[in-house]
Amino acid sequence: MWDISEGLIRMSLIGSYCILLILPARLLLSGFGRKYAFCLWVAVFLNLVIPFEIRGRFSLIPEPVGSLSVEAQTTQAEGIFVYTGEAEYAAASNPAQEQQPGFERTVLQPAAKVDFYNPSASAQTGRIWNIAMLWQRLPDILRVVWLPGFFVILLYNLAYAARTGKKLSRDRWKSWDGEKRIAEVEGLPAPFLWGIFRPVIFLPTGLEEEEKNCIIAHESCHRHRKDSLTKLAFFAAVSIHWFNPLVWLSWALFCRDMEICCDEAVFAVSGGTSRKQYAQSLLKYAAAQNGYRVSSLTFGEPSAGMRIRHILRFQKRHIVLRSAAGLAAAVMILGLVVRPAAAKSVTKPGLLLNAGENEIQDTGAELPEDTASEAGDTEPVRVWEPEHRMGYQRTEVTHVVREDNPYFTPGLRPEQELEMLARTALRELYDLTGYQVESCVYECSDLGTFFFARTLEDLSHSRLFYTRAFGEAQGYDALVIPSMDCAGARRVWFSDVQQLALPEHAEQMSDQKLAVWFLEHSAVYQGEEIGHTESLPESWTQRVYTTDGTFYEVTLEGSFIGVSSIYGPYPEGFSH
């Protein structure tokens, strides 16, 4: 199920990027008419409220931003490790390693050689570690504080609406125009539009005729444009993301742009409106403005001084300029709503697919013998696009420490580090198989092997759906062979892990090609150049050799198309 806290953080991060991009664009478009700048906030609103992704070729959101999540953020703990999320292995830790095309991997890389067992570690390292863990704990914190904060905002505005509604009771109306829906109420501090579906313009008594006309023209424009509904919808998005200060900044600018749009509309359709009188009316009610509350649209709100300067300089632009501004705003909204297309990688070793130009380029890598004859073919070179799933969601994990476990020493490694490694392993399972694990329990050994099961009972009976062994790259013994071992639901009854990530036309691929494909899409693969493959006597097991002499062992799922385990790299000349 969709994790609410993860989803909120993800949408808020994407919305923040849109806000930062809109701020300079808004200033540029304002010179052609504020309505074009005002329309840009549609992109922010949609990114804050839509929990799913719309992907396409044209997007103004870079892929690293489009795939933002708490689990995928880069957090560097000096002297601990670099958490690279969905990115490749950190280039600094292995500069000789070439990036694999379009392949996403979640790993933990050592930032430096560290003695985790040294109690005299520097305070600076501890502080950076705490920041890293605080970021990882952000969804848990949000689950606790989000709902109270949301209700505080909701109750405050409901209380304000109730107090205002009481002041506007019909027994206090001095006059009422039913056709134009305008009421005059004695003692009002400022005129405003009140209501959502059938709003009423409320005016203080004793207004001069010219001043009254200015105010009615402005509030009628709000009513004609359904700004009450628009403001309510945007405020709902702001209330949901109340923890993000950039969202509150966008709310203030949204309200300001809405008011200036109506100011411009009044002067565009009514040449007889006096700018001097209009400015005087704004200044008169500026002190009584109600800020940025959602409950009403007040004539004097917000930033009356800035609005006065704007209307005094306002000039209607040529239709060509206005059309260009409108087109630019539409293109920017589209680009900020659409996310970049999914990352792509080829299924043939030695070939790179240029996703931008749809060209196949030879990387110089030597192809395996059984695929070398197809090097010149452009069909069927397929790409791996896991469009069948929404995106990885943070798994709830519970570390089980059994007192009778002789292979685990409590306190040998920080508990936070073990949890982060466990979450990394589950993300790697998702990247390889496409299956989302919502919650599970795990235990681990001092040599870097993590065992995952659905429940404590399953764990106690060794009903494991996944086993992940980390090696030297994560600070464990150099003799440990990294591995990924998953028990699919099609092989064992206690697992519901499904193999969803498969190459195109997988049924037409040989076991050797499938083994190479799964290896290159796994987290244990180190990016070496593939040499050749060899079938082992063990059923469905392929040994994939690299050109430097090391090798991997990949066990497929028998009669099913899928992978069971991947071990390696084994050193050159190693024998079981």
Protein backbone atom coordinates (compact mmCIF):
# COMPACT_ATOMS: atom_id res chain seq x y z
CA MET A 1 0.00 0.00 0.00
CA TRP A 2 0.99 3.61 -0.56
CA ASP A 3 3.00 4.80 2.43
CA ILE A 4 1.45 8.18 3.29
CA SER A 5 4.55 9.65 4.91
CA GLU A 6 6.82 8.48 2.08
CA GLY A 7 4.34 9.79 -0.47
CA LEU A 8 4.04 13.18 1.21
CA ILE A 9 7.79 13.63 1.38
CA ARG A 10 8.23 12.57 -2.22
CA MET A 11 5.50 14.92 -3.51
CA SER A 12 6.78 17.72 -1.31
CA LEU A 13 10.32 17.35 -2.65
CA ILE A 14 9.13 17.44 -6.26
CA GLY A 15 6.83 20.38 -5.44
CA SER A 16 9.76 22.25 -3.88
CA TYR A 17 11.79 21.81 -7.05
CA CYS A 18 8.88 23.21 -9.08
CA ILE A 19 8.56 26.20 -6.73
CA LEU A 20 12.25 27.02 -7.04
CA LEU A 21 12.01 26.81 -10.83
CA ILE A 22 8.84 28.90 -10.96
CA LEU A 23 10.20 31.78 -8.85
CA PRO A 24 12.47 33.23 -11.58
CA ALA A 25 10.03 32.31 -14.37
CA ARG A 26 7.27 34.12 -12.52
CA LEU A 27 9.29 37.34 -12.49
CA LEU A 28 9.94 37.10 -16.24
CA LEU A 29 6.31 36.43 -17.17
CA SER A 30 4.91 39.11 -14.84
CA GLY A 31 5.97 41.82 -17.28
CA PHE A 32 3.54 40.46 -19.88
CA GLY A 33 0.60 40.08 -17.52
CA ARG A 34 0.36 38.60 -14.07
CA LYS A 35 -2.19 35.99 -15.16
CA TYR A 36 0.55 34.06 -16.98
CA ALA A 37 2.68 33.95 -13.84
CA PHE A 38 -0.41 32.99 -11.83
CA CYS A 39 -1.07 29.99 -14.08
CA LEU A 40 2.34 28.53 -13.21
CA TRP A 41 1.09 27.64 -9.74
CA VAL A 42 -1.05 24.95 -11.38
CA ALA A 43 2.11 22.87 -11.79
CA VAL A 44 2.94 23.22 -8.08
CA PHE A 45 -0.60 22.29 -7.06
CA LEU A 46 -0.66 19.16 -9.24
CA ASN A 47 2.72 17.96 -7.98
CA LEU A 48 1.59 18.43 -4.39
CA VAL A 49 -1.67 16.49 -4.69
CA ILE A 50 -1.24 13.83 -7.41
CA PRO A 51 0.21 10.65 -5.84
CA PHE A 52 1.06 9.02 -9.18
CA GLU A 53 3.47 9.91 -11.96
CA ILE A 54 2.76 11.07 -15.50
CA ARG A 55 5.79 10.21 -17.62
CA GLY A 56 6.76 11.44 -21.05
CA ARG A 57 9.65 12.42 -23.27
CA PHE A 58 9.35 16.14 -22.57
CA SER A 59 9.94 17.11 -18.98
CA LEU A 60 11.60 19.98 -17.13
CA ILE A 61 12.19 17.71 -14.13
CA PRO A 62 15.58 15.93 -14.30
CA GLU A 63 15.57 12.19 -13.69
CA PRO A 64 17.48 12.48 -10.35
CA VAL A 65 14.80 14.89 -9.12
CA GLY A 66 11.94 12.86 -10.57
CA SER A 67 13.09 9.78 -8.66
CA LEU A 68 13.59 11.58 -5.34
CA SER A 69 12.61 9.70 -2.23
CA VAL A 70 13.84 9.38 1.33
CA GLU A 71 15.39 6.01 0.56
CA ALA A 72 17.11 7.35 -2.57
CA GLN A 73 18.78 10.45 -1.23
CA THR A 74 22.55 10.69 -1.05
CA THR A 75 23.62 10.99 2.55
CA GLN A 76 27.33 11.06 3.25
CA ALA A 77 28.49 10.18 6.71
CA GLU A 78 32.16 11.06 6.89
CA GLY A 79 34.15 8.04 8.00
CA ILE A 80 31.07 5.81 7.76
CA PHE A 81 29.77 5.33 4.20
CA VAL A 82 28.08 7.04 1.30
CA TYR A 83 24.45 6.03 0.79
CA THR A 84 23.91 6.39 -2.94
CA GLY A 85 20.26 5.37 -3.18
CA GLU A 86 19.23 4.70 -6.76
CA ALA A 87 22.53 5.96 -8.21
CA GLU A 88 25.51 3.90 -9.28
CA TYR A 89 28.38 3.08 -6.96
CA ALA A 90 30.09 6.28 -5.83
CA ALA A 91 32.68 7.21 -8.48
CA ALA A 92 35.06 8.44 -5.83
CA SER A 93 35.25 5.06 -4.19
CA ASN A 94 35.87 3.21 -7.47
CA PRO A 95 36.98 5.60 -10.23
CA ALA A 96 37.93 2.78 -12.57
CA GLN A 97 34.39 1.45 -12.66
CA GLU A 98 32.35 2.43 -15.70
CA GLN A 99 28.73 3.35 -15.25
CA GLN A 100 26.32 0.85 -16.67
CA PRO A 101 23.75 2.39 -19.01
CA GLY A 102 20.48 3.23 -17.32
CA PHE A 103 20.98 0.70 -14.54
CA GLU A 104 19.88 1.79 -11.10
CA ARG A 105 21.32 0.23 -7.99
CA THR A 106 21.05 0.85 -4.27
CA VAL A 107 24.25 0.28 -2.37
CA LEU A 108 26.27 1.37 0.60
CA GLN A 109 29.83 2.37 -0.24
CA PRO A 110 32.59 2.98 2.32
CA ALA A 111 33.66 6.61 2.42
CA ALA A 112 36.88 5.60 4.16
CA LYS A 113 38.38 2.70 6.03
CA VAL A 114 36.80 2.90 9.46
CA ASP A 115 37.05 0.90 12.62
CA PHE A 116 33.39 0.65 13.61
CA TYR A 117 34.35 -0.92 16.89
CA ASN A 118 36.54 1.97 18.06
CA PRO A 119 34.61 3.76 20.83
CA SER A 120 36.82 6.85 20.48
CA ALA A 121 35.40 7.79 17.06
CA SER A 122 35.32 11.51 16.44
CA ALA A 123 32.35 13.60 17.53
CA GLN A 124 32.13 15.01 14.02
CA THR A 125 31.54 11.54 12.60
CA GLY A 126 28.80 10.98 15.15
CA ARG A 127 27.07 14.22 14.25
CA ILE A 128 27.10 13.44 10.52
CA TRP A 129 25.86 9.95 11.28
CA ASN A 130 23.00 11.39 13.31
CA ILE A 131 22.03 13.69 10.43
CA ALA A 132 22.03 10.73 8.06
CA MET A 133 19.84 8.71 10.38
CA LEU A 134 17.54 11.66 11.02
CA TRP A 135 16.93 11.85 7.27
CA GLN A 136 16.17 8.15 7.19
CA ARG A 137 13.82 8.58 10.16
CA LEU A 138 11.97 11.47 8.55
CA PRO A 139 8.98 9.35 7.46
CA ASP A 140 8.62 7.99 10.99
CA ILE A 141 8.76 11.51 12.46
CA LEU A 142 6.23 12.75 9.93
CA ARG A 143 3.79 9.97 10.85
CA VAL A 144 3.77 11.33 14.40
CA VAL A 145 3.63 15.10 13.81
CA TRP A 146 1.79 15.44 10.49
CA LEU A 147 -1.76 14.73 11.63
CA PRO A 148 -1.67 17.04 14.71
CA GLY A 149 -0.23 19.87 12.61
CA PHE A 150 -2.85 19.36 9.91
CA PHE A 151 -5.69 19.45 12.44
CA VAL A 152 -4.31 22.61 14.07
CA ILE A 153 -4.41 24.40 10.72
CA LEU A 154 -7.85 23.01 9.93
CA LEU A 155 -9.36 23.92 13.31
CA TYR A 156 -7.87 27.41 13.22
CA ASN A 157 -9.43 28.20 9.85
CA LEU A 158 -12.74 26.61 10.81
CA ALA A 159 -12.81 28.75 13.95
CA TYR A 160 -12.04 31.86 11.89
CA ALA A 161 -14.80 30.94 9.43
CA ALA A 162 -17.27 30.42 12.28
CA ARG A 163 -16.44 33.79 13.86
CA THR A 164 -16.71 35.58 10.52
CA GLY A 165 -19.96 33.83 9.63
CA LYS A 166 -21.43 34.94 12.96
CA LYS A 167 -20.51 38.57 12.23
CA LEU A 168 -22.22 38.31 8.83
CA SER A 169 -25.60 37.14 10.09
CA ARG A 170 -28.54 38.55 8.12
CA ASP A 171 -29.84 40.61 11.01
CA ARG A 172 -26.75 42.82 10.63
CA TRP A 173 -27.25 43.52 6.91
CA LYS A 174 -28.18 47.13 6.14
CA SER A 175 -28.87 46.52 2.45
CA TRP A 176 -29.04 43.58 0.06
CA ASP A 177 -28.87 43.42 -3.75
CA GLY A 178 -30.15 39.93 -4.58
CA GLU A 179 -29.39 40.19 -8.30
CA LYS A 180 -25.71 41.13 -7.86
CA ARG A 181 -25.43 39.34 -4.50
CA ILE A 182 -24.00 42.37 -2.69
CA ALA A 183 -24.64 43.06 0.99
CA GLU A 184 -23.69 46.07 3.11
CA VAL A 185 -22.88 45.38 6.75
CA GLU A 186 -22.19 48.01 9.35
CA GLY A 187 -18.89 47.76 11.20
CA LEU A 188 -16.96 45.68 8.65
CA PRO A 189 -13.22 46.52 8.71
CA ALA A 190 -12.84 45.88 4.97
CA PRO A 191 -14.86 44.70 1.96
CA PHE A 192 -14.44 41.05 0.94
CA LEU A 193 -15.95 38.13 -0.94
CA TRP A 194 -17.41 35.45 1.33
CA GLY A 195 -18.60 31.99 0.37
CA ILE A 196 -17.49 29.12 -1.81
CA PHE A 197 -20.15 28.05 -4.32
CA ARG A 198 -22.37 31.17 -4.26
CA PRO A 199 -20.16 33.85 -2.74
CA VAL A 200 -21.51 37.20 -1.61
CA ILE A 201 -19.72 40.55 -1.81
CA PHE A 202 -19.80 42.20 1.63
CA LEU A 203 -19.19 45.95 1.81
CA PRO A 204 -18.85 48.30 4.77
CA THR A 205 -21.57 50.93 4.95
CA GLY A 206 -20.92 54.54 3.97
CA LEU A 207 -18.70 53.96 0.91
CA GLU A 208 -18.43 56.69 -1.70
CA GLU A 209 -19.82 55.80 -5.13
CA GLU A 210 -16.50 55.76 -7.01
CA GLU A 211 -14.78 53.79 -4.26
CA LYS A 212 -17.70 51.37 -4.16
CA ASN A 213 -17.48 50.80 -7.91
CA CYS A 214 -13.75 50.00 -7.67
CA ILE A 215 -14.30 47.45 -4.94
CA ILE A 216 -17.30 45.79 -6.61
CA ALA A 217 -15.40 45.51 -9.91
CA HIS A 218 -12.49 43.78 -8.15
CA GLU A 219 -14.59 41.36 -6.10
CA SER A 220 -16.86 40.59 -9.05
CA CYS A 221 -13.78 39.56 -10.98
CA HIS A 222 -12.89 37.14 -8.17
CA ARG A 223 -16.40 35.74 -8.24
CA HIS A 224 -16.47 35.39 -12.03
CA ARG A 225 -13.18 33.48 -12.00
CA LYS A 226 -14.28 31.13 -9.18
CA ASP A 227 -11.27 32.22 -7.12
CA SER A 228 -12.94 31.06 -3.91
CA LEU A 229 -12.77 27.46 -5.11
CA THR A 230 -9.28 27.91 -6.52
CA LYS A 231 -7.99 29.37 -3.29
CA LEU A 232 -9.64 26.64 -1.22
CA ALA A 233 -8.08 23.88 -3.36
CA PHE A 234 -4.59 25.38 -3.18
CA PHE A 235 -4.88 25.93 0.56
CA ALA A 236 -5.87 22.28 0.98
CA ALA A 237 -2.60 21.30 -0.73
CA VAL A 238 -0.69 23.74 1.49
CA SER A 239 -2.32 22.29 4.60
CA ILE A 240 -1.32 18.77 3.58
CA HIS A 241 2.28 19.89 3.12
CA TRP A 242 2.34 22.26 6.09
CA PHE A 243 5.79 21.02 7.14
CA ASN A 244 7.42 22.45 3.99
CA PRO A 245 8.34 26.18 4.24
CA LEU A 246 8.63 26.50 0.46
CA VAL A 247 4.98 25.50 0.14
CA TRP A 248 3.98 28.35 2.46
CA LEU A 249 6.08 30.72 0.36
CA SER A 250 4.22 29.55 -2.74
CA TRP A 251 0.92 30.14 -0.93
CA ALA A 252 1.83 33.76 -0.19
CA LEU A 253 2.93 34.38 -3.78
CA PHE A 254 -0.13 32.55 -5.13
CA CYS A 255 -2.46 34.85 -3.17
CA ARG A 256 -0.51 37.92 -4.30
CA ASP A 257 -0.66 36.88 -7.96
CA MET A 258 -4.38 36.15 -7.67
CA GLU A 259 -5.10 39.67 -6.39
CA ILE A 260 -2.92 41.36 -9.02
CA CYS A 261 -4.62 39.31 -11.76
CA CYS A 262 -7.95 40.80 -10.70
CA ASP A 263 -6.44 44.30 -10.52
CA GLU A 264 -5.21 43.94 -14.10
CA ALA A 265 -8.52 42.52 -15.27
CA VAL A 266 -10.41 45.49 -13.82
CA PHE A 267 -8.27 47.99 -15.73
CA ALA A 268 -8.26 45.87 -18.90
CA VAL A 269 -12.08 45.86 -19.25
CA SER A 270 -12.91 49.20 -17.60
CA GLY A 271 -10.96 52.11 -18.94
CA GLY A 272 -13.01 54.53 -16.83
CA THR A 273 -11.74 53.20 -13.50
CA SER A 274 -9.56 55.78 -11.80
CA ARG A 275 -6.16 54.41 -10.88
CA LYS A 276 -5.77 57.08 -8.23
CA GLN A 277 -9.08 56.19 -6.57
CA TYR A 278 -8.31 52.48 -6.87
CA ALA A 279 -4.92 52.98 -5.20
CA GLN A 280 -6.45 55.07 -2.45
CA SER A 281 -9.01 52.34 -1.75
CA LEU A 282 -6.29 49.72 -1.55
CA LEU A 283 -4.29 51.85 0.87
CA LYS A 284 -7.37 52.57 2.97
CA TYR A 285 -8.11 48.88 3.62
CA ALA A 286 -4.52 47.63 3.73
CA ALA A 287 -4.40 47.92 7.53
CA ALA A 288 -7.54 45.77 7.81
CA GLN A 289 -6.35 42.98 5.54
CA ASN A 290 -6.71 39.45 6.83
CA GLY A 291 -3.38 38.13 5.61
CA TYR A 292 -3.43 34.86 3.70
CA ARG A 293 -6.35 33.04 5.28
CA VAL A 294 -8.36 30.76 3.07
CA SER A 295 -11.73 31.89 4.36
CA SER A 296 -12.24 35.01 2.26
CA LEU A 297 -10.95 37.18 -0.54
CA THR A 298 -10.39 40.60 0.98
CA PHE A 299 -10.01 43.69 -1.19
CA GLY A 300 -7.07 45.01 0.82
CA GLU A 301 -5.03 41.79 0.87
CA PRO A 302 -2.15 41.18 0.42
CA SER A 303 0.84 43.55 0.00
CA ALA A 304 -1.17 46.62 -0.89
CA GLY A 305 1.96 48.72 -1.44
CA MET A 306 3.27 46.39 -4.11
CA ARG A 307 -0.15 46.21 -5.76
CA ILE A 308 -0.40 50.01 -5.86
CA ARG A 309 2.96 50.26 -7.61
CA HIS A 310 1.87 47.60 -10.07
CA ILE A 311 -1.45 49.19 -11.07
CA LEU A 312 0.18 52.59 -11.51
CA ARG A 313 2.64 51.05 -14.00
CA PHE A 314 0.17 48.65 -15.63
CA GLN A 315 0.02 48.65 -19.43
CA LYS A 316 -1.77 46.14 -21.59
CA ARG A 317 0.78 44.37 -23.79
CA HIS A 318 0.50 43.64 -27.50
CA ILE A 319 -1.38 40.45 -28.34
CA VAL A 320 1.76 38.89 -29.85
CA LEU A 321 3.69 39.33 -26.61
CA ARG A 322 0.78 38.07 -24.54
CA SER A 323 0.43 35.01 -26.80
CA ALA A 324 4.13 34.24 -26.46
CA ALA A 325 3.90 34.55 -22.66
CA GLY A 326 0.86 32.29 -22.59
CA LEU A 327 2.62 29.66 -24.71
CA ALA A 328 5.71 29.79 -22.49
CA ALA A 329 3.56 29.35 -19.38
CA ALA A 330 1.72 26.37 -20.93
CA VAL A 331 4.99 24.68 -21.94
CA MET A 332 6.42 25.18 -18.47
CA ILE A 333 3.33 23.78 -16.76
CA LEU A 334 3.43 20.72 -19.01
CA GLY A 335 7.15 20.23 -18.41
CA LEU A 336 6.74 20.42 -14.63
CA VAL A 337 3.78 18.04 -14.49
CA VAL A 338 5.29 15.35 -16.71
CA ARG A 339 8.13 13.30 -15.22
CA PRO A 340 11.03 12.10 -17.39
CA ALA A 341 10.63 8.73 -19.05
CA ALA A 342 11.92 5.71 -17.13
CA ALA A 343 15.64 4.97 -17.27
CA LYS A 344 16.60 2.56 -20.00
CA SER A 345 19.24 -0.10 -20.42
CA VAL A 346 19.89 -2.68 -23.10
CA THR A 347 19.71 -6.39 -22.60
CA LYS A 348 22.73 -7.16 -24.79
CA PRO A 349 26.23 -6.88 -23.32
CA GLY A 350 28.59 -4.58 -25.17
CA LEU A 351 25.87 -2.32 -26.59
CA LEU A 352 24.60 1.01 -25.32
CA LEU A 353 21.24 2.44 -26.32
CA ASN A 354 21.24 6.21 -26.65
CA ALA A 355 17.77 6.93 -25.31
CA GLY A 356 17.80 10.47 -26.64
CA GLU A 357 18.67 9.60 -30.25
CA ASN A 358 17.54 5.96 -30.35
CA GLU A 359 20.94 4.99 -31.74
CA ILE A 360 22.90 1.89 -30.90
CA GLN A 361 26.58 2.46 -30.23
CA ASP A 362 29.35 -0.10 -29.87
CA THR A 363 31.09 0.33 -26.53
CA GLY A 364 34.07 -1.75 -27.56
CA ALA A 365 33.18 -4.49 -25.10
CA GLU A 366 33.61 -8.01 -26.39
CA LEU A 367 30.31 -9.82 -26.74
CA PRO A 368 29.83 -13.41 -25.57
CA GLU A 369 30.26 -15.94 -28.36
CA ASP A 370 26.56 -16.80 -28.51
CA THR A 371 25.56 -13.18 -29.03
CA ALA A 372 28.47 -11.83 -31.10
CA SER A 373 26.78 -12.72 -34.36
CA GLU A 374 23.88 -10.43 -33.49
CA ALA A 375 26.05 -7.37 -32.82
CA GLY A 376 25.10 -5.76 -36.08
CA ASP A 377 21.37 -6.29 -35.61
CA THR A 378 19.25 -3.43 -34.39
CA GLU A 379 16.21 -5.64 -33.79
CA PRO A 380 15.16 -6.80 -31.38
CA VAL A 381 17.29 -4.65 -29.05
CA ARG A 382 14.86 -3.99 -26.24
CA VAL A 383 15.08 -1.67 -23.26
CA TRP A 384 14.19 -2.38 -19.66
CA GLU A 385 11.44 -0.06 -18.50
CA PRO A 386 9.73 -1.18 -15.27
CA GLU A 387 6.52 0.73 -15.98
CA HIS A 388 4.44 -1.92 -14.23
CA ARG A 389 4.98 -0.46 -10.79
CA MET A 390 4.42 2.88 -9.07
CA GLY A 391 7.84 3.11 -7.49
CA TYR A 392 9.68 1.77 -4.48
CA GLN A 393 8.08 2.39 -1.10
CA ARG A 394 9.96 2.28 2.20
CA THR A 395 9.71 -1.14 3.84
CA GLU A 396 8.94 -1.54 7.53
CA VAL A 397 11.69 -3.75 8.98
CA THR A 398 12.18 -5.29 12.42
CA HIS A 399 15.55 -6.60 13.56
CA VAL A 400 15.26 -9.85 15.50
CA VAL A 401 18.13 -10.62 17.88
CA ARG A 402 18.03 -14.14 19.29
CA GLU A 403 20.07 -14.80 22.41
CA ASP A 404 21.04 -18.27 21.20
CA ASN A 405 22.46 -16.99 17.90
CA PRO A 406 26.23 -17.68 18.00
CA TYR A 407 26.83 -15.85 14.70
CA PHE A 408 25.70 -12.39 15.79
CA THR A 409 27.35 -10.16 18.40
CA PRO A 410 25.07 -7.35 19.65
CA GLY A 411 26.77 -3.96 19.61
CA LEU A 412 29.50 -5.01 17.20
CA ARG A 413 28.03 -2.67 14.60
CA PRO A 414 25.64 0.25 15.18
CA GLU A 415 22.01 -0.79 15.01
CA GLN A 416 21.27 2.09 12.66
CA GLU A 417 23.86 0.81 10.22
CA LEU A 418 22.38 -2.68 10.26
CA GLU A 419 18.90 -1.28 9.62
CA MET A 420 20.14 0.81 6.71
CA LEU A 421 21.88 -2.22 5.20
CA ALA A 422 18.67 -4.23 5.60
CA ARG A 423 16.65 -1.52 3.83
CA THR A 424 19.31 -1.38 1.11
CA ALA A 425 19.01 -5.14 0.59
CA LEU A 426 15.24 -4.90 0.25
CA ARG A 427 15.57 -2.06 -2.25
CA GLU A 428 17.99 -4.22 -4.24
CA LEU A 429 15.44 -7.04 -4.24
CA TYR A 430 12.89 -4.59 -5.61
CA ASP A 431 15.27 -3.39 -8.33
CA LEU A 432 16.00 -6.97 -9.39
CA THR A 433 12.53 -8.51 -9.20
CA GLY A 434 10.16 -5.53 -9.19
CA TYR A 435 8.35 -6.87 -6.13
CA GLN A 436 7.49 -4.52 -3.26
CA VAL A 437 7.92 -5.89 0.28
CA GLU A 438 5.74 -3.88 2.68
CA SER A 439 7.00 -5.27 6.00
CA CYS A 440 9.24 -8.06 7.21
CA VAL A 441 11.62 -9.21 9.95
CA TYR A 442 15.31 -9.95 9.59
CA GLU A 443 18.35 -11.18 11.43
CA CYS A 444 21.98 -10.93 10.43
CA SER A 445 25.40 -12.39 11.10
CA ASP A 446 28.72 -10.80 11.94
CA LEU A 447 29.99 -11.80 8.48
CA GLY A 448 27.46 -9.66 6.65
CA THR A 449 24.62 -12.05 5.75
CA PHE A 450 21.05 -10.77 6.22
CA PHE A 451 18.11 -13.20 6.42
CA PHE A 452 14.60 -11.91 5.67
CA ALA A 453 11.26 -13.51 6.51
CA ARG A 454 7.68 -12.35 6.59
CA THR A 455 7.01 -13.04 10.27
CA LEU A 456 8.91 -14.01 13.38
CA GLU A 457 7.49 -17.50 13.12
CA ASP A 458 8.74 -17.82 9.54
CA LEU A 459 12.16 -16.63 10.63
CA SER A 460 12.35 -19.12 13.48
CA HIS A 461 11.50 -21.95 11.03
CA SER A 462 13.95 -20.71 8.35
CA ARG A 463 11.16 -19.84 5.94
CA LEU A 464 13.24 -17.11 4.28
CA PHE A 465 12.05 -15.27 1.20
CA TYR A 466 15.37 -13.45 0.69
CA THR A 467 19.00 -13.66 1.78
CA ARG A 468 21.59 -10.99 1.06
CA ALA A 469 25.31 -11.28 1.82
CA PHE A 470 27.40 -8.09 1.85
CA GLY A 471 31.15 -8.19 1.37
CA GLU A 472 34.22 -6.01 1.64
CA ALA A 473 32.53 -2.97 0.05
CA GLN A 474 30.33 -2.66 3.13
CA GLY A 475 33.15 -3.21 5.61
CA TYR A 476 32.84 -6.99 6.06
CA ASP A 477 35.50 -9.63 5.64
CA ALA A 478 37.16 -9.61 2.22
CA LEU A 479 36.69 -13.40 1.96
CA VAL A 480 32.89 -13.09 2.07
CA ILE A 481 31.34 -13.67 -1.36
CA PRO A 482 28.46 -11.21 -1.94
CA SER A 483 25.19 -12.80 -2.99
CA MET A 484 21.47 -12.31 -3.54
CA ASP A 485 19.21 -15.32 -2.97
CA CYS A 486 15.43 -14.95 -3.34
CA ALA A 487 12.80 -17.62 -2.82
CA GLY A 488 10.06 -16.94 -5.37
CA ALA A 489 6.40 -17.69 -4.78
CA ARG A 490 6.44 -20.06 -7.77
CA ARG A 491 8.96 -22.29 -5.99
CA VAL A 492 8.07 -22.18 -2.29
CA TRP A 493 4.72 -21.76 -0.60
CA PHE A 494 5.80 -19.34 2.16
CA SER A 495 7.02 -16.57 -0.17
CA ASP A 496 4.93 -14.13 -2.19
CA VAL A 497 7.88 -12.57 -4.03
CA GLN A 498 7.01 -12.37 -7.72
CA GLN A 499 9.46 -11.89 -10.58
CA LEU A 500 8.08 -8.77 -12.24
CA ALA A 501 11.23 -7.28 -13.80
CA LEU A 502 11.89 -9.32 -16.94
CA PRO A 503 13.56 -8.53 -20.26
CA GLU A 504 11.47 -8.12 -23.37
CA HIS A 505 11.02 -11.40 -25.28
CA ALA A 506 12.53 -13.26 -22.34
CA GLU A 507 10.90 -16.49 -23.55
CA GLN A 508 13.08 -16.33 -26.68
CA MET A 509 16.34 -15.84 -24.77
CA SER A 510 18.74 -18.66 -23.94
CA ASP A 511 19.68 -19.45 -20.35
CA GLN A 512 23.07 -17.85 -20.95
CA LYS A 513 21.52 -14.59 -22.09
CA LEU A 514 19.04 -14.59 -19.22
CA ALA A 515 21.83 -15.20 -16.70
CA VAL A 516 23.82 -12.25 -18.08
CA TRP A 517 20.73 -10.02 -18.09
CA PHE A 518 19.84 -10.78 -14.48
CA LEU A 519 23.45 -10.39 -13.38
CA GLU A 520 23.78 -6.96 -14.99
CA HIS A 521 20.57 -5.83 -13.28
CA SER A 522 21.62 -7.05 -9.85
CA ALA A 523 23.30 -5.22 -6.99
CA VAL A 524 26.21 -7.68 -6.71
CA TYR A 525 27.44 -6.92 -10.24
CA GLN A 526 30.57 -4.75 -10.11
CA GLY A 527 30.43 -3.52 -13.71
CA GLU A 528 33.12 -5.80 -15.11
CA GLU A 529 33.28 -6.61 -18.80
CA ILE A 530 31.50 -9.88 -19.53
CA GLY A 531 33.58 -12.57 -21.21
CA HIS A 532 31.66 -15.81 -21.71
CA THR A 533 29.21 -18.09 -19.93
CA GLU A 534 29.38 -21.76 -18.97
CA SER A 535 26.59 -24.11 -17.94
CA LEU A 536 27.31 -25.96 -14.67
CA PRO A 537 26.13 -29.46 -13.75
CA GLU A 538 23.83 -27.97 -11.14
CA SER A 539 20.36 -27.46 -12.59
CA TRP A 540 19.72 -24.11 -14.21
CA THR A 541 23.03 -22.66 -13.00
CA GLN A 542 25.22 -20.57 -15.29
CA ARG A 543 28.75 -19.39 -14.56
CA VAL A 544 29.34 -15.96 -16.08
CA TYR A 545 33.05 -15.17 -16.55
CA THR A 546 34.48 -11.68 -16.79
CA THR A 547 37.45 -10.71 -18.93
CA ASP A 548 39.59 -10.20 -15.82
CA GLY A 549 39.18 -13.83 -14.74
CA THR A 550 36.59 -13.44 -11.97
CA PHE A 551 33.20 -15.04 -12.33
CA TYR A 552 29.63 -15.06 -11.03
CA GLU A 553 27.22 -17.94 -10.56
CA VAL A 554 23.60 -17.30 -11.51
CA THR A 555 20.85 -19.82 -10.76
CA LEU A 556 17.65 -19.39 -12.75
CA GLU A 557 14.18 -20.43 -11.60
CA GLY A 558 14.01 -23.69 -13.46
CA SER A 559 11.04 -23.92 -15.81
CA PHE A 560 10.01 -20.36 -14.91
CA ILE A 561 11.56 -17.21 -16.33
CA GLY A 562 13.26 -15.67 -13.34
CA VAL A 563 16.35 -15.72 -11.16
CA SER A 564 16.82 -17.64 -7.93
CA SER A 565 20.29 -16.59 -6.77
CA ILE A 566 23.33 -14.60 -7.85
CA TYR A 567 26.72 -15.14 -6.19
CA GLY A 568 29.96 -13.32 -6.88
CA PRO A 569 32.30 -12.13 -7.91
CA TYR A 570 34.44 -15.17 -7.11
CA PRO A 571 38.21 -14.60 -7.43
CA GLU A 572 40.06 -16.00 -10.42
CA GLY A 573 40.77 -19.71 -10.08
CA PHE A 574 38.37 -20.19 -7.17
CA SER A 575 36.83 -23.65 -6.82
CA HIS A 576 34.12 -24.85 -4.47
